[in-house]
Amino acid sequence: MIIGSTLLTYLVFEFLIFGSFLSSLPLKTHEYLNKRIRPLAQSSKKSVIPRNYVALVGDSYAQGYGDWFLDSNFNENPPFHSAHVINQRTGIDIISFGKGGASSVRGMVTLPIAHYEYINATPQFELARPGGIIVYFYEGNDLNDNITLIERHFQKHFDMDRIYDREYFREFIDYTINKEHPLRRMESSMKIKDYLPFANFSYHLLKSVLPAEPPAKQRSAKKVTAPPNIIQLLDGEVEIPRGLQSPALGLKEAELTLAIYVFEQSLRYLREYFKDVPIGVVYIPSPLSCYEIASREVSIQTYQNEEVIYDGQLVRTRSNAICYRLKEVADQQGVTFVDAREYLWPVAQEEIIHGPRDWKHFNKKGYTILAEAVIALLDRMK
């Protein structure tokens, strides 16, 4: 009787109770959830399973990294990025499939599809197709991440001479989804534990309170030796951190063309998979592109062994060029496009919208303004 009642209690929690309060779990416990269903714990929606929702896809901006998140009460599940602002102001359920450091292929295709299909493969949940999809394109590192993807993965298994063959590149995206990414790879061979989110959560939560192995020694961050980056605000010049993310100043023209092509083909794949779902693209500027540069030179964060120092006037020129080319891609595919710089620039003339701890991402003010751009985009997508 004890075994039977214990088993019955567990089954009730597993299949009837646990799933209904995922979005009430504190932020500090989200890491113990099966990462395949983790998006359901987000609080930017009315209930665990969103209704007629809009999906955000992209990298850490779609995920919500930044000082607002760092300052959050992790004992609760509070708002901390643009998804929450959009939900609060419009009432639309928002679910984010964003992942920090993701390339266009990973952020726009692999992860959204893997999460979507995995959630629907479990007996506890059924997630409808989104009512709309918003792609966050971040000029600060998305193009560099696309070049890294090609160097690390495409070159190893595919013919570089055929990279601009769209059908051939589609095979690479299929390969990435079906073979490379662990979420989708396990989809075809789900085990019993994969159907039991409460058991999985309990196991990892219990494991976290047991004595852990010593953490690996962290490498210290590389110091940037360069002149300071200086911006102009209405009340005077302000020095901001060195080595900031830029509008891909370090990429050569051929690399820039290739990186934008990767975005273009990822967008095409996303449109074909979520056929008839309205899609919009938001152009998010890098930190350097948000402000009026007052210093003669700027120092940037590098990715492919580029130079560190560049003429400050190149920031706005390169940002404009990338934005124009991304809009062309969106227009060619019939996708609605909004340039978030138009919303951010007026505010960034008066105050800082990044940091102060995390200068790679917006603070609360920055994410609030970004949400305004997304809301305007949603209105145009209707």
Protein backbone atom coordinates (compact mmCIF):
# COMPACT_ATOMS: atom_id res chain seq x y z
CA MET A 1 0.00 0.00 0.00
CA ILE A 2 2.84 2.40 0.83
CA ILE A 3 4.55 1.71 -2.48
CA GLY A 4 1.28 1.98 -4.36
CA SER A 5 0.23 5.25 -2.72
CA THR A 6 3.72 6.73 -3.24
CA LEU A 7 3.62 5.76 -6.90
CA LEU A 8 0.11 7.16 -7.30
CA THR A 9 1.14 10.44 -5.65
CA TYR A 10 4.13 10.70 -7.96
CA LEU A 11 2.01 10.04 -11.05
CA VAL A 12 -0.47 12.73 -9.99
CA PHE A 13 2.38 15.23 -9.61
CA GLU A 14 4.02 14.13 -12.86
CA PHE A 15 1.01 14.16 -15.15
CA LEU A 16 -1.54 16.44 -13.47
CA ILE A 17 0.09 18.98 -11.17
CA PHE A 18 3.71 19.75 -12.04
CA GLY A 19 3.10 21.00 -15.55
CA SER A 20 0.40 23.41 -14.41
CA PHE A 21 2.71 25.54 -12.27
CA LEU A 22 5.92 25.59 -14.31
CA SER A 23 5.63 29.34 -14.84
CA SER A 24 5.42 29.83 -11.06
CA LEU A 25 8.82 28.25 -10.43
CA PRO A 26 11.47 30.70 -9.15
CA LEU A 27 14.16 31.71 -11.63
CA LYS A 28 16.82 29.99 -9.53
CA THR A 29 15.17 26.59 -10.19
CA HIS A 30 14.78 26.90 -13.98
CA GLU A 31 18.22 25.42 -14.57
CA TYR A 32 17.02 22.14 -13.04
CA LEU A 33 14.23 21.76 -15.58
CA ASN A 34 14.74 19.65 -18.66
CA LYS A 35 16.06 22.35 -21.00
CA ARG A 36 13.81 21.05 -23.76
CA ILE A 37 10.71 22.27 -21.87
CA ARG A 38 12.34 25.20 -20.04
CA PRO A 39 10.67 27.86 -22.23
CA LEU A 40 7.32 26.83 -20.70
CA ALA A 41 8.51 28.16 -17.31
CA GLN A 42 8.79 31.71 -18.66
CA SER A 43 6.49 34.28 -17.05
CA SER A 44 5.81 36.39 -20.15
CA LYS A 45 2.50 34.58 -20.78
CA LYS A 46 -0.80 34.04 -18.98
CA SER A 47 -0.37 30.30 -18.43
CA VAL A 48 2.18 27.53 -18.86
CA ILE A 49 0.87 26.72 -22.34
CA PRO A 50 0.55 30.01 -24.23
CA ARG A 51 -2.44 30.73 -26.45
CA ASN A 52 -2.11 32.43 -29.83
CA TYR A 53 1.38 33.35 -28.74
CA VAL A 54 4.26 35.14 -30.42
CA ALA A 55 7.64 33.37 -30.38
CA LEU A 56 10.91 35.27 -30.06
CA VAL A 57 13.92 33.66 -31.74
CA GLY A 58 17.56 34.72 -31.78
CA ASP A 59 20.46 34.95 -29.37
CA SER A 60 20.92 36.39 -25.86
CA TYR A 61 18.79 39.46 -26.66
CA ALA A 62 15.83 37.15 -27.26
CA GLN A 63 16.78 35.26 -24.10
CA GLY A 64 16.91 38.46 -22.06
CA TYR A 65 20.48 38.75 -20.76
CA GLY A 66 21.48 42.03 -19.15
CA ASP A 67 21.50 44.03 -15.93
CA TRP A 68 17.72 43.87 -15.54
CA PHE A 69 18.04 40.08 -15.37
CA LEU A 70 21.10 40.26 -13.09
CA ASP A 71 19.22 42.53 -10.68
CA SER A 72 16.14 40.25 -10.59
CA ASN A 73 14.88 38.47 -7.50
CA PHE A 74 15.78 34.87 -8.35
CA ASN A 75 13.42 33.62 -5.64
CA GLU A 76 10.56 34.73 -7.89
CA ASN A 77 9.83 34.54 -11.62
CA PRO A 78 9.78 38.28 -12.36
CA PRO A 79 9.91 40.31 -15.59
CA PHE A 80 13.42 41.06 -16.87
CA HIS A 81 13.40 41.70 -20.63
CA SER A 82 11.48 42.78 -23.71
CA ALA A 83 9.23 39.69 -23.75
CA HIS A 84 7.71 40.73 -20.43
CA VAL A 85 7.19 44.34 -21.51
CA ILE A 86 5.46 43.23 -24.72
CA ASN A 87 3.23 40.86 -22.76
CA GLN A 88 2.34 43.49 -20.15
CA ARG A 89 1.53 46.21 -22.69
CA THR A 90 -0.33 44.14 -25.28
CA GLY A 91 -1.66 41.12 -23.39
CA ILE A 92 -0.10 38.86 -26.04
CA ASP A 93 1.54 35.68 -24.74
CA ILE A 94 5.25 35.70 -25.52
CA ILE A 95 7.55 32.69 -25.43
CA SER A 96 11.25 32.95 -26.16
CA PHE A 97 13.37 30.26 -27.79
CA GLY A 98 16.43 32.54 -27.71
CA LYS A 99 19.86 31.28 -26.72
CA GLY A 100 22.98 33.26 -25.94
CA GLY A 101 25.78 32.93 -28.48
CA ALA A 102 23.56 31.31 -31.10
CA SER A 103 24.28 31.77 -34.80
CA SER A 104 21.42 32.46 -37.21
CA VAL A 105 21.08 28.74 -37.96
CA ARG A 106 20.97 27.80 -34.29
CA GLY A 107 19.00 30.74 -32.98
CA MET A 108 16.42 30.96 -35.77
CA VAL A 109 16.09 27.32 -36.84
CA THR A 110 17.69 24.58 -34.76
CA LEU A 111 16.59 25.68 -31.29
CA PRO A 112 13.03 26.87 -32.07
CA ILE A 113 12.24 23.72 -34.04
CA ALA A 114 13.88 21.42 -31.48
CA HIS A 115 12.02 23.00 -28.55
CA TYR A 116 8.72 23.07 -30.42
CA GLU A 117 8.87 19.44 -31.51
CA TYR A 118 10.22 18.15 -28.21
CA ILE A 119 7.49 19.84 -26.16
CA ASN A 120 4.88 18.30 -28.45
CA ALA A 121 6.51 14.88 -28.10
CA THR A 122 5.77 14.78 -24.36
CA PRO A 123 2.34 13.55 -23.17
CA GLN A 124 1.98 16.40 -20.64
CA PHE A 125 2.14 19.30 -23.09
CA GLU A 126 0.77 20.34 -26.44
CA LEU A 127 2.09 23.55 -27.95
CA ALA A 128 0.24 25.01 -30.91
CA ARG A 129 2.01 26.75 -33.75
CA PRO A 130 2.81 30.35 -32.89
CA GLY A 131 0.53 33.13 -34.08
CA GLY A 132 3.64 35.04 -35.09
CA ILE A 133 7.43 34.83 -34.92
CA ILE A 134 9.79 37.73 -34.19
CA VAL A 135 13.42 37.29 -35.21
CA TYR A 136 15.91 39.31 -33.17
CA PHE A 137 18.91 40.07 -35.37
CA TYR A 138 21.76 41.52 -33.31
CA GLU A 139 24.47 43.27 -35.31
CA GLY A 140 26.94 42.98 -32.40
CA ASN A 141 27.87 39.34 -32.97
CA ASP A 142 25.32 37.47 -35.10
CA LEU A 143 27.38 37.85 -38.27
CA ASN A 144 30.59 36.85 -36.50
CA ASP A 145 28.79 33.82 -35.06
CA ASN A 146 27.68 32.87 -38.57
CA ILE A 147 31.27 32.92 -39.81
CA THR A 148 32.33 30.80 -36.83
CA LEU A 149 29.55 28.31 -37.66
CA ILE A 150 30.81 27.97 -41.23
CA GLU A 151 34.43 27.57 -40.13
CA ARG A 152 33.72 25.00 -37.43
CA HIS A 153 30.94 22.97 -38.98
CA PHE A 154 30.21 23.55 -42.67
CA GLN A 155 33.85 23.24 -43.75
CA LYS A 156 34.25 19.91 -41.94
CA HIS A 157 31.36 18.10 -43.59
CA PHE A 158 30.36 20.05 -46.71
CA ASP A 159 31.89 21.45 -49.88
CA MET A 160 32.73 25.16 -49.55
CA ASP A 161 32.57 25.52 -53.34
CA ARG A 162 28.84 24.79 -53.15
CA ILE A 163 27.99 26.96 -50.17
CA TYR A 164 25.99 29.45 -52.25
CA ASP A 165 23.85 26.65 -53.66
CA ARG A 166 20.64 27.20 -51.68
CA GLU A 167 19.45 23.61 -51.80
CA TYR A 168 22.88 22.37 -50.78
CA PHE A 169 22.98 24.82 -47.87
CA ARG A 170 19.55 23.60 -46.85
CA GLU A 171 21.07 20.13 -46.51
CA PHE A 172 23.57 21.65 -44.09
CA ILE A 173 20.74 23.16 -42.02
CA ASP A 174 18.97 19.78 -42.00
CA TYR A 175 22.23 18.18 -40.90
CA THR A 176 22.61 20.73 -38.13
CA ILE A 177 19.10 20.07 -36.84
CA ASN A 178 19.11 16.28 -37.15
CA LYS A 179 22.70 15.41 -36.26
CA GLU A 180 24.51 18.19 -34.46
CA HIS A 181 22.13 19.63 -31.92
CA PRO A 182 21.49 17.43 -28.86
CA LEU A 183 17.85 18.49 -28.48
CA ARG A 184 16.85 17.35 -31.96
CA ARG A 185 19.22 14.37 -31.93
CA MET A 186 17.46 12.92 -28.88
CA GLU A 187 14.05 13.65 -30.37
CA SER A 188 14.24 10.49 -32.50
CA SER A 189 15.19 8.29 -29.53
CA MET A 190 13.45 9.71 -26.48
CA LYS A 191 13.86 7.61 -23.37
CA ILE A 192 11.39 7.11 -20.53
CA LYS A 193 13.03 9.84 -18.41
CA ASP A 194 12.46 12.31 -21.25
CA TYR A 195 8.70 11.91 -20.80
CA LEU A 196 8.90 12.63 -17.06
CA PRO A 197 9.68 16.33 -16.47
CA PHE A 198 8.83 16.23 -12.74
CA ALA A 199 11.13 13.27 -12.11
CA ASN A 200 13.86 14.93 -14.16
CA PHE A 201 13.43 18.21 -12.26
CA SER A 202 13.45 16.48 -8.86
CA TYR A 203 16.58 14.51 -9.73
CA HIS A 204 18.57 17.58 -10.80
CA LEU A 205 17.30 19.65 -7.88
CA LEU A 206 18.38 16.94 -5.43
CA LYS A 207 21.71 16.59 -7.21
CA SER A 208 22.33 20.32 -6.78
CA VAL A 209 22.18 20.12 -2.96
CA LEU A 210 24.65 17.24 -2.76
CA PRO A 211 28.40 17.93 -2.47
CA ALA A 212 29.62 19.10 -5.84
CA GLU A 213 32.96 18.71 -7.57
CA PRO A 214 35.24 21.75 -7.33
CA PRO A 215 34.49 24.19 -10.16
CA ALA A 216 36.92 24.36 -13.04
CA LYS A 217 39.44 27.17 -12.79
CA GLN A 218 38.20 30.17 -14.71
CA ARG A 219 40.46 32.02 -17.08
CA SER A 220 40.73 35.72 -16.40
CA ALA A 221 39.24 38.00 -19.01
CA LYS A 222 41.68 39.37 -21.53
CA LYS A 223 42.38 43.05 -20.94
CA VAL A 224 41.89 45.39 -23.87
CA THR A 225 44.78 47.82 -24.31
CA ALA A 226 43.27 50.62 -26.32
CA PRO A 227 42.20 54.25 -26.15
CA PRO A 228 38.88 54.78 -24.33
CA ASN A 229 35.57 54.73 -26.17
CA ILE A 230 33.88 58.10 -25.67
CA ILE A 231 30.28 58.97 -26.54
CA GLN A 232 28.37 62.23 -26.63
CA LEU A 233 25.25 62.64 -24.50
CA LEU A 234 23.21 65.84 -24.21
CA ASP A 235 24.89 66.73 -20.93
CA GLY A 236 28.44 66.03 -22.12
CA GLU A 237 30.95 63.40 -23.13
CA VAL A 238 30.98 60.06 -21.32
CA GLU A 239 33.65 57.35 -21.35
CA ILE A 240 32.24 53.87 -21.86
CA PRO A 241 34.07 50.49 -21.70
CA ARG A 242 36.77 49.53 -24.17
CA GLY A 243 36.41 46.48 -26.41
CA LEU A 244 32.67 46.77 -27.01
CA GLN A 245 30.69 44.78 -29.55
CA SER A 246 30.44 46.62 -32.85
CA PRO A 247 28.60 46.38 -36.19
CA ALA A 248 30.99 43.63 -37.35
CA LEU A 249 33.76 46.13 -38.07
CA GLY A 250 36.30 43.33 -38.19
CA LEU A 251 34.65 41.36 -41.00
CA LYS A 252 35.93 41.74 -44.54
CA GLU A 253 33.41 42.27 -47.35
CA ALA A 254 33.46 38.61 -48.46
CA GLU A 255 32.89 37.47 -44.87
CA LEU A 256 30.09 39.99 -44.43
CA THR A 257 28.38 38.73 -47.59
CA LEU A 258 28.68 35.12 -46.44
CA ALA A 259 27.40 35.88 -42.94
CA ILE A 260 24.33 37.70 -44.31
CA TYR A 261 23.72 34.79 -46.67
CA VAL A 262 23.62 32.43 -43.67
CA PHE A 263 21.00 34.67 -42.07
CA GLU A 264 19.04 34.78 -45.34
CA GLN A 265 18.94 30.99 -45.69
CA SER A 266 18.05 30.54 -42.01
CA LEU A 267 15.14 32.93 -42.45
CA ARG A 268 14.03 31.05 -45.55
CA TYR A 269 14.12 27.72 -43.68
CA LEU A 270 12.17 29.21 -40.74
CA ARG A 271 9.49 30.55 -43.10
CA GLU A 272 9.11 27.21 -44.85
CA TYR A 273 8.89 25.24 -41.60
CA PHE A 274 6.34 27.58 -40.00
CA LYS A 275 4.42 28.09 -43.21
CA ASP A 276 1.62 30.70 -43.05
CA VAL A 277 2.91 32.04 -39.71
CA PRO A 278 3.60 35.81 -39.92
CA ILE A 279 7.28 36.57 -39.33
CA GLY A 280 8.98 39.85 -38.48
CA VAL A 281 12.65 40.82 -38.15
CA VAL A 282 13.91 43.34 -35.58
CA TYR A 283 17.29 44.93 -36.28
CA ILE A 284 19.10 45.41 -32.94
CA PRO A 285 22.22 47.60 -32.98
CA SER A 286 25.44 46.85 -31.16
CA PRO A 287 26.30 48.99 -28.11
CA LEU A 288 28.71 51.16 -30.12
CA SER A 289 26.02 51.80 -32.77
CA CYS A 290 23.52 53.06 -30.21
CA TYR A 291 25.43 56.20 -29.28
CA GLU A 292 27.01 59.21 -30.94
CA ILE A 293 30.73 58.42 -31.00
CA ALA A 294 32.85 61.33 -29.76
CA SER A 295 36.28 59.65 -29.77
CA ARG A 296 38.34 59.63 -32.96
CA GLU A 297 38.83 55.86 -32.65
CA VAL A 298 36.89 53.00 -31.08
CA SER A 299 38.05 49.67 -29.71
CA ILE A 300 35.92 46.61 -30.38
CA GLN A 301 35.45 43.05 -29.17
CA THR A 302 37.05 40.71 -31.70
CA TYR A 303 36.10 37.20 -32.82
CA GLN A 304 38.15 36.15 -35.87
CA ASN A 305 41.52 37.70 -34.93
CA GLU A 306 40.53 41.08 -36.36
CA GLU A 307 42.06 44.43 -35.57
CA VAL A 308 40.93 46.03 -32.31
CA ILE A 309 41.06 49.73 -33.18
CA TYR A 310 38.90 51.38 -35.88
CA ASP A 311 37.96 54.87 -37.03
CA GLY A 312 34.96 55.97 -34.96
CA GLN A 313 33.15 57.25 -38.05
CA LEU A 314 33.00 53.71 -39.43
CA VAL A 315 30.56 52.62 -36.73
CA ARG A 316 27.49 54.38 -38.10
CA THR A 317 28.53 53.73 -41.73
CA ARG A 318 28.87 49.95 -41.22
CA SER A 319 25.71 49.77 -39.11
CA ASN A 320 23.73 51.50 -41.85
CA ALA A 321 25.15 49.17 -44.50
CA ILE A 322 24.28 46.00 -42.59
CA CYS A 323 20.79 47.25 -41.73
CA TYR A 324 20.12 48.11 -45.39
CA ARG A 325 21.21 44.64 -46.54
CA LEU A 326 19.16 42.88 -43.86
CA LYS A 327 16.08 44.87 -44.85
CA GLU A 328 16.65 43.81 -48.46
CA VAL A 329 16.69 40.16 -47.36
CA ALA A 330 13.48 40.62 -45.37
CA ASP A 331 11.74 42.45 -48.23
CA GLN A 332 12.70 39.75 -50.73
CA GLN A 333 11.14 37.10 -48.51
CA GLY A 334 8.02 39.09 -47.72
CA VAL A 335 8.98 39.47 -44.05
CA THR A 336 8.09 42.62 -42.07
CA PHE A 337 11.16 44.53 -40.87
CA VAL A 338 11.71 47.15 -38.19
CA ASP A 339 14.90 49.06 -37.43
CA ALA A 340 15.05 49.31 -33.63
CA ARG A 341 17.74 51.97 -33.91
CA GLU A 342 15.02 54.50 -34.76
CA TYR A 343 13.49 53.88 -31.31
CA LEU A 344 16.77 53.56 -29.41
CA TRP A 345 18.76 56.49 -30.79
CA PRO A 346 16.63 59.32 -29.35
CA VAL A 347 16.85 57.80 -25.87
CA ALA A 348 20.57 56.98 -26.21
CA GLN A 349 21.27 60.67 -26.87
CA GLU A 350 20.18 61.40 -23.32
CA GLU A 351 21.07 58.35 -21.23
CA ILE A 352 22.92 55.05 -21.15
CA ILE A 353 20.78 52.07 -22.18
CA HIS A 354 23.35 49.33 -21.50
CA GLY A 355 25.05 48.00 -18.37
CA PRO A 356 26.50 49.19 -16.10
CA ARG A 357 27.65 45.63 -15.39
CA ASP A 358 26.75 43.92 -18.65
CA TRP A 359 27.66 46.21 -21.54
CA LYS A 360 26.84 43.56 -24.14
CA HIS A 361 23.11 43.87 -23.45
CA PHE A 362 20.43 46.42 -22.72
CA ASN A 363 19.49 47.44 -19.22
CA LYS A 364 15.83 47.84 -18.21
CA LYS A 365 15.49 51.10 -20.13
CA GLY A 366 16.99 49.58 -23.27
CA TYR A 367 14.77 46.50 -23.20
CA THR A 368 11.70 48.68 -22.63
CA ILE A 369 12.51 50.72 -25.75
CA LEU A 370 13.22 47.53 -27.72
CA ALA A 371 9.77 46.26 -26.72
CA GLU A 372 8.23 49.42 -28.19
CA ALA A 373 9.88 48.61 -31.54
CA VAL A 374 8.56 45.05 -31.40
CA ILE A 375 5.02 46.23 -30.57
CA ALA A 376 5.12 48.55 -33.58
CA LEU A 377 6.29 45.60 -35.69
CA LEU A 378 3.45 43.40 -34.43
CA ASP A 379 0.95 46.08 -35.43
CA ARG A 380 2.36 46.09 -38.96
CA MET A 381 2.23 42.27 -39.13
CA LYS A 382 -1.54 42.13 -38.54
